[in-house]
Every structure is written in structure tokens, then in C-alpha cells.
């Protein structure tokens, strides 16, 4: 006798609870909805519907991956960000909701910059693009913008390119496989905005990360050295060379790093002003710095 949607969900939730998986009900619902090609909300309306043997087997295979600790996003290959559906894989960090602050504030700052420079081409830069979630969200929201997306991982750039194509902004994205700004420093001062969600996990934080992050997400996208700021310091030292007059830098940082990053930016002596933005948990999550209008 075939199992119903409701019965299978109840069994899956109990299984995930026993292995102490995070968000057991949400995980089970997302995985089953993915197998059935439906919305989570419909699972409860169709709880008495039977699953075919093939659907049941496909769901159990996904459930076992979750039991072993694999993130739901890698199992389904999808994660929502900025109300857009992004492909994700173990080549890229899973986009987090707090990173939407970079897009929200980036759009606001770009609009200010455009008002001051109405005749200048709008060029944006995303350093460490990963899945392309920041670059693509900015391009999607700012139809005038050309966006350069940089990552040292060719595998990540392949994922990002597929996302840009599926989300309709491929023609305005430019891909650069390089370490930070090493391939862009000959461009001169051309970018109105640079956003970067670089690795910022400290060595001690890495040791304590839960296994669904530590065992599955790419270490090179997470670890930023002993104090988490190795790559951020390197970017701060070179980004003034590529920012347009009055251009902006936005950096995502760890929960205790904003003051140190802001101080490092000020020590460069090449920014007119610096500051922070707070996320929905009231954490200083983003450090901003503005290049001078004239040198």
C-alpha cells in the first residue's frame, strides 16, 4: 500500500528530530515539495494524496542526505535571495538573508551616485561573487548597470553565469576569474560601487562551526585567516584604485568585526568617509566607505 504525503512527512520530521537536524519540519517539507514539483503550502492541502513508489524513493534519498548533515539548499540545488531563485552547488557559499543588506544599501547609494554623475556610465563590481547573488540582484534591480563579477573559483563563476542567464541579465554581466582585483587594476577609476562578501570567519570560529556548514560549504569562501580579515585588508588596500570619483565600497563583515574593518579603511587615508549599516538582528553587518570626488 502506498504512503500518503501526510504520513511520509510525519515520518520524515521524526527522523530529522532524532538526528537533531536544524529546522526538521521545514527541511522535510522543502525536500518533499522539491520531489513533487509543488509548493510547500500545497503539501498540507494534499496530505491524503498517495506517493508513487518512484516519488517515495526519490524523497527517501534526499532525506538520507539531510540526515547525514548536507544542507537542504545543496540537495535541492536552489536558494532564494532578493526574491530571485538562485542555483547553488558545493562550489559556492549558500546565500544568507543578511547579505541582502548589501543589495538594499547598494541600490540606494548607486541612485545617489547617479544623481551626481548623470552622464557617466554606471559600472558596478562584485568581488567574490560565488553564486552571483549580489551581482545579479544588483543588475536585476538597476537595469542601467553593467556589472563585473570576480571570483578566484572557476566553478563558482560557472554557477553564477548559469544564474545570470536564467534570470535574464547575462548580457550585462562580465566575468573575471582572478584573485580579488589583480585583473582589474589597469581599468582606472571606473566603478560607482564595489560590493564584497569575502571570507571573514576567524580560525577559532571555524573550529566551532556546525557540521552542515563546515563539512559541506566551501572553506575558501568562509575562512578569512586568524582574525578573519586577511582578504578584507587586501581589498581595502587596492579598491580605491578602481572606484570612480565619489564611488562606494560595501563590505559584509562578521558580527564583531565592523569596528576593526572601519578602522582599517580609515587608516588607508584614501576614503572621504566610512560608516556601518545594521542588519535585521541589529548587528553591524556592513561597513561602507566612500572615495573622494576629486584627488
Protein backbone atom coordinates (compact mmCIF):
# COMPACT_ATOMS: atom_id res chain seq x y z
CA UNK A 1 0.00 0.00 0.00
CA UNK A 2 1.41 3.42 -0.98
CA UNK A 3 2.24 6.04 1.60
CA UNK A 4 0.39 9.37 1.72
CA UNK A 5 2.05 12.78 1.68
CA UNK A 6 0.96 13.45 5.27
CA UNK A 7 2.25 10.13 6.63
CA UNK A 8 5.60 10.44 4.88
CA UNK A 9 6.05 13.99 6.17
CA UNK A 10 5.36 12.95 9.76
CA UNK A 11 7.88 10.10 9.50
CA UNK A 12 10.50 12.39 7.97
CA UNK A 13 10.09 15.07 10.66
CA UNK A 14 10.51 12.45 13.44
CA UNK A 15 13.60 11.09 11.69
CA UNK A 16 15.20 14.54 11.40
CA UNK A 17 14.31 15.38 15.00
CA UNK A 18 16.05 12.21 16.20
CA UNK A 19 19.26 13.14 14.39
CA UNK A 20 18.97 16.74 15.67
CA UNK A 21 18.89 18.30 12.21
CA UNK A 22 18.09 22.01 12.20
CA UNK A 23 14.53 23.02 11.21
CA UNK A 24 13.29 19.41 10.79
CA UNK A 25 9.76 20.28 9.63
CA UNK A 26 10.87 22.93 7.14
CA UNK A 27 13.59 20.63 5.81
CA UNK A 28 11.18 17.74 5.28
CA UNK A 29 8.61 19.96 3.58
CA UNK A 30 11.11 21.62 1.25
CA UNK A 31 12.59 18.28 0.20
CA UNK A 32 9.20 16.66 -0.44
CA UNK A 33 7.91 19.70 -2.34
CA UNK A 34 11.05 19.53 -4.48
CA UNK A 35 10.40 15.87 -5.31
CA UNK A 36 6.75 16.56 -6.19
CA UNK A 37 7.47 19.81 -8.08
CA UNK A 38 4.95 21.68 -5.97
CA UNK A 39 4.77 24.40 -3.31
CA UNK A 40 5.21 23.67 0.39
CA UNK A 41 1.78 25.14 1.11
CA UNK A 42 0.11 22.54 -1.10
CA UNK A 43 1.57 19.60 0.85
CA UNK A 44 -0.92 20.08 3.70
CA UNK A 45 -3.84 20.59 1.33
CA UNK A 46 -2.90 17.33 -0.40
CA UNK A 47 -1.86 15.39 2.71
CA UNK A 48 -4.11 12.42 1.86
CA UNK A 49 -2.70 12.02 -1.67
CA UNK A 50 -0.57 8.91 -2.18
CA UNK A 51 3.05 8.97 -3.32
CA UNK A 52 4.18 6.74 -6.15
CA UNK A 53 6.98 4.28 -5.49
CA UNK A 54 9.34 6.46 -7.55
CA UNK A 55 8.41 9.62 -5.61
CA UNK A 56 8.84 7.85 -2.29
CA UNK A 57 12.28 6.53 -3.28
CA UNK A 58 13.38 9.95 -4.51
CA UNK A 59 12.26 11.58 -1.28
CA UNK A 60 13.97 8.98 0.91
CA UNK A 61 17.24 9.50 -0.99
CA UNK A 62 17.03 13.25 -0.30
CA UNK A 63 16.09 12.64 3.32
CA UNK A 64 19.13 10.44 3.89
CA UNK A 65 21.39 13.18 2.55
CA UNK A 66 19.80 15.60 5.03
CA UNK A 67 20.25 13.09 7.87
CA UNK A 68 23.97 12.99 7.07
CA UNK A 69 24.07 16.77 7.50
CA UNK A 70 24.01 18.06 3.93
CA UNK A 71 22.28 21.47 3.66
CA UNK A 72 18.81 21.43 2.12
CA UNK A 73 19.94 24.04 -0.44
CA UNK A 74 22.59 21.73 -1.88
CA UNK A 75 20.13 18.84 -2.02
CA UNK A 76 17.55 20.86 -3.95
CA UNK A 77 20.17 22.95 -5.76
CA UNK A 78 18.22 26.15 -5.03
CA UNK A 79 18.15 29.12 -2.65
CA UNK A 80 16.00 32.26 -2.76
CA UNK A 81 17.76 35.62 -2.46
CA UNK A 82 16.36 39.11 -3.12
CA UNK A 83 13.12 37.34 -4.22
CA UNK A 84 15.07 35.59 -7.01
CA UNK A 85 15.66 31.85 -7.36
CA UNK A 86 19.39 31.01 -7.44
CA UNK A 87 21.10 27.77 -8.33
CA UNK A 88 23.62 26.72 -5.67
CA UNK A 89 26.13 23.90 -5.51
CA UNK A 90 29.09 22.92 -3.29
CA UNK A 91 31.20 25.24 -5.47
CA UNK A 92 29.52 28.27 -3.85
CA UNK A 93 28.51 29.58 -0.44
CA UNK A 94 24.77 29.39 0.24
CA UNK A 95 23.42 32.99 0.13
CA UNK A 96 22.23 34.25 3.53
CA UNK A 97 19.34 36.67 4.13
CA UNK A 98 21.61 39.19 5.89
CA UNK A 99 23.59 39.66 2.67
CA UNK A 100 20.52 41.31 1.13
CA UNK A 101 21.62 44.39 3.10
CA UNK A 102 24.46 44.81 0.58
CA UNK A 103 21.95 44.94 -2.26
CA UNK A 104 19.47 47.17 -0.44
CA UNK A 105 22.06 49.75 0.57
CA UNK A 106 24.00 49.35 -2.67
CA UNK A 107 20.95 50.29 -4.74
CA UNK A 108 20.35 53.33 -2.52
CA UNK A 109 23.97 54.51 -2.83
CA UNK A 110 24.08 53.94 -6.58
CA UNK A 111 20.97 56.07 -7.02
CA UNK A 112 22.72 58.87 -5.11
CA UNK A 113 25.84 58.47 -7.25
CA UNK A 114 23.83 58.56 -10.49
CA UNK A 115 22.15 61.80 -9.43
CA UNK A 116 25.61 63.35 -9.03
CA UNK A 117 27.02 61.80 -12.25
CA UNK A 118 24.07 61.56 -14.68
CA UNK A 119 26.19 61.28 -17.84
CA UNK A 120 28.72 58.71 -16.60
CA UNK A 121 28.25 55.01 -17.49
CA UNK A 122 27.12 53.01 -14.48
CA UNK A 123 29.58 50.22 -13.71
CA UNK A 124 29.36 48.04 -10.60
CA UNK A 125 31.75 45.46 -9.16
CA UNK A 126 31.14 42.33 -7.06
CA UNK A 127 34.31 40.78 -5.60
CA UNK A 128 33.98 37.15 -4.53
CA UNK A 129 30.74 36.67 -6.43
CA UNK A 130 30.12 32.99 -5.62
CA UNK A 131 26.65 32.11 -6.94
CA UNK A 132 26.39 35.63 -8.36
CA UNK A 133 23.60 36.52 -5.94
CA UNK A 134 24.86 40.07 -5.28
CA UNK A 135 25.91 40.90 -8.84
CA UNK A 136 22.73 39.51 -10.37
CA UNK A 137 20.43 41.11 -7.79
CA UNK A 138 22.05 44.49 -8.45
CA UNK A 139 21.77 44.03 -12.22
CA UNK A 140 18.16 42.93 -11.86
CA UNK A 141 17.27 45.99 -9.77
CA UNK A 142 19.36 48.54 -11.70
CA UNK A 143 18.67 47.98 -15.41
CA UNK A 144 21.16 50.70 -16.43
CA UNK A 145 24.10 48.97 -14.74
CA UNK A 146 26.91 46.91 -16.21
CA UNK A 147 28.27 44.57 -13.53
CA UNK A 148 31.68 42.93 -13.24
CA UNK A 149 31.68 39.72 -11.14
CA UNK A 150 35.02 38.45 -9.82
CA UNK A 151 35.85 35.12 -8.22
CA UNK A 152 39.00 33.04 -7.97
CA UNK A 153 36.94 29.84 -8.37
CA UNK A 154 36.12 28.92 -11.97
CA UNK A 155 33.49 26.50 -10.67
CA UNK A 156 31.74 29.33 -8.84
CA UNK A 157 31.76 31.52 -11.96
CA UNK A 158 30.11 28.73 -13.95
CA UNK A 159 27.28 28.58 -11.39
CA UNK A 160 26.97 32.39 -11.42
CA UNK A 161 26.85 32.51 -15.21
CA UNK A 162 24.01 29.96 -15.32
CA UNK A 163 22.11 32.04 -12.76
CA UNK A 164 22.60 35.23 -14.78
CA UNK A 165 21.34 33.52 -17.93
CA UNK A 166 18.27 32.03 -16.26
CA UNK A 167 17.43 35.34 -14.54
CA UNK A 168 17.72 37.40 -17.71
CA UNK A 169 20.75 39.63 -17.02
CA UNK A 170 23.57 37.72 -18.72
CA UNK A 171 24.20 40.41 -21.35
CA UNK A 172 25.07 42.97 -18.63
CA UNK A 173 27.40 40.74 -16.59
CA UNK A 174 31.17 40.47 -17.12
CA UNK A 175 33.05 37.54 -15.58
CA UNK A 176 36.58 37.73 -14.19
CA UNK A 177 38.39 34.69 -12.77
CA UNK A 178 41.04 36.28 -10.56
CA UNK A 179 42.27 36.84 -7.03
CA UNK A 180 40.48 39.98 -5.77
CA UNK A 181 41.34 42.98 -8.01
CA UNK A 182 44.52 41.65 -9.63
CA UNK A 183 42.90 41.59 -13.08
CA UNK A 184 41.16 44.97 -12.79
CA UNK A 185 43.76 47.40 -11.50
CA UNK A 186 44.60 48.62 -15.02
CA UNK A 187 40.99 49.74 -15.61
CA UNK A 188 41.40 53.00 -13.71
CA UNK A 189 38.68 54.63 -11.61
CA UNK A 190 35.52 53.32 -13.23
CA UNK A 191 33.24 51.60 -10.67
CA UNK A 192 30.49 53.55 -8.90
CA UNK A 193 30.04 50.72 -6.40
CA UNK A 194 32.05 47.74 -5.21
CA UNK A 195 30.30 45.14 -3.06
CA UNK A 196 32.11 42.24 -1.44
CA UNK A 197 31.06 39.37 0.79
CA UNK A 198 34.55 37.97 1.31
CA UNK A 199 35.53 35.16 3.69
CA UNK A 200 35.52 36.55 7.24
CA UNK A 201 35.22 33.53 9.56
CA UNK A 202 38.07 33.52 12.08
CA UNK A 203 40.24 30.48 12.80
CA UNK A 204 38.57 29.92 16.19
CA UNK A 205 35.07 30.35 14.73
CA UNK A 206 35.86 27.80 12.01
CA UNK A 207 36.65 25.15 14.60
CA UNK A 208 33.22 25.65 16.22
CA UNK A 209 31.06 25.83 13.10
CA UNK A 210 28.22 23.27 12.85
CA UNK A 211 28.94 20.35 10.55
CA UNK A 212 26.26 21.28 7.99
CA UNK A 213 28.42 24.33 7.22
CA UNK A 214 31.92 23.03 7.95
CA UNK A 215 31.57 19.71 6.11
CA UNK A 216 29.72 20.97 3.02
CA UNK A 217 30.21 24.66 2.20
CA UNK A 218 33.49 25.66 0.50
CA UNK A 219 36.12 26.50 3.09
CA UNK A 220 37.80 29.06 0.83
CA UNK A 221 34.52 31.02 0.77
CA UNK A 222 34.35 31.12 4.57
CA UNK A 223 37.77 31.30 6.20
CA UNK A 224 39.43 34.70 6.39
CA UNK A 225 42.56 33.83 8.38
CA UNK A 226 43.37 34.11 12.07
CA UNK A 227 41.19 37.18 12.70
CA UNK A 228 39.00 36.75 9.61
CA UNK A 229 40.21 39.91 7.88
CA UNK A 230 43.03 38.75 5.58
CA UNK A 231 41.18 39.24 2.30
CA UNK A 232 39.25 42.28 3.52
CA UNK A 233 42.51 44.11 4.31
CA UNK A 234 43.90 43.24 0.88
CA UNK A 235 40.77 44.57 -0.82
CA UNK A 236 40.83 47.79 1.20
CA UNK A 237 44.40 48.43 0.07
CA UNK A 238 43.58 48.24 -3.64
CA UNK A 239 39.92 49.13 -4.15
CA UNK A 240 40.47 52.93 -4.15
CA UNK A 241 42.34 52.45 -7.44
CA UNK A 242 39.20 51.21 -9.21
CA UNK A 243 36.43 53.27 -7.55
CA UNK A 244 35.05 56.15 -9.59
CA UNK A 245 35.11 59.64 -8.04
CA UNK A 246 32.55 59.57 -5.23
CA UNK A 247 32.22 55.79 -5.60
CA UNK A 248 31.24 53.49 -2.76
CA UNK A 249 32.57 50.31 -1.17
CA UNK A 250 30.25 47.98 0.78
CA UNK A 251 31.76 45.09 2.78
CA UNK A 252 29.88 42.39 4.67
CA UNK A 253 31.68 41.58 7.93
CA UNK A 254 31.35 39.27 10.92
CA UNK A 255 29.34 40.16 13.99
CA UNK A 256 32.31 41.59 15.94
CA UNK A 257 34.41 42.93 13.05
CA UNK A 258 32.80 46.21 11.97
CA UNK A 259 34.91 48.48 14.18
CA UNK A 260 38.18 46.84 13.10
CA UNK A 261 37.25 46.98 9.42
CA UNK A 262 36.13 50.60 9.64
CA UNK A 263 39.43 51.48 11.34
CA UNK A 264 41.40 49.64 8.62
CA UNK A 265 39.53 51.62 5.95
CA UNK A 266 40.26 54.90 7.71
CA UNK A 267 43.95 54.01 8.00
CA UNK A 268 44.17 53.76 4.22
CA UNK A 269 43.72 57.52 4.07
CA UNK A 270 42.05 57.21 0.66
CA UNK A 271 38.38 57.42 1.61
CA UNK A 272 36.39 60.56 2.39
CA UNK A 273 34.13 58.87 4.93
CA UNK A 274 33.30 55.47 6.44
CA UNK A 275 30.42 54.03 8.44
CA UNK A 276 28.30 50.95 9.15
CA UNK A 277 24.85 49.60 8.39
CA UNK A 278 22.97 47.28 10.77
CA UNK A 279 21.13 44.12 9.75
CA UNK A 280 17.69 42.89 10.88
CA UNK A 281 19.27 41.46 14.07
CA UNK A 282 20.76 44.88 14.91
CA UNK A 283 24.29 43.63 14.15
CA UNK A 284 26.78 45.97 12.44
CA UNK A 285 26.89 43.78 9.33
CA UNK A 286 28.07 46.10 6.56
CA UNK A 287 30.94 48.59 6.51
CA UNK A 288 30.80 51.36 3.89
CA UNK A 289 33.48 53.69 2.62
CA UNK A 290 33.27 56.46 0.02
CA UNK A 291 36.02 57.53 -2.34
CA UNK A 292 36.69 61.28 -2.70
CA UNK A 293 35.12 63.13 -5.60
CA UNK A 294 38.49 64.57 -6.59
CA UNK A 295 42.12 63.72 -5.85
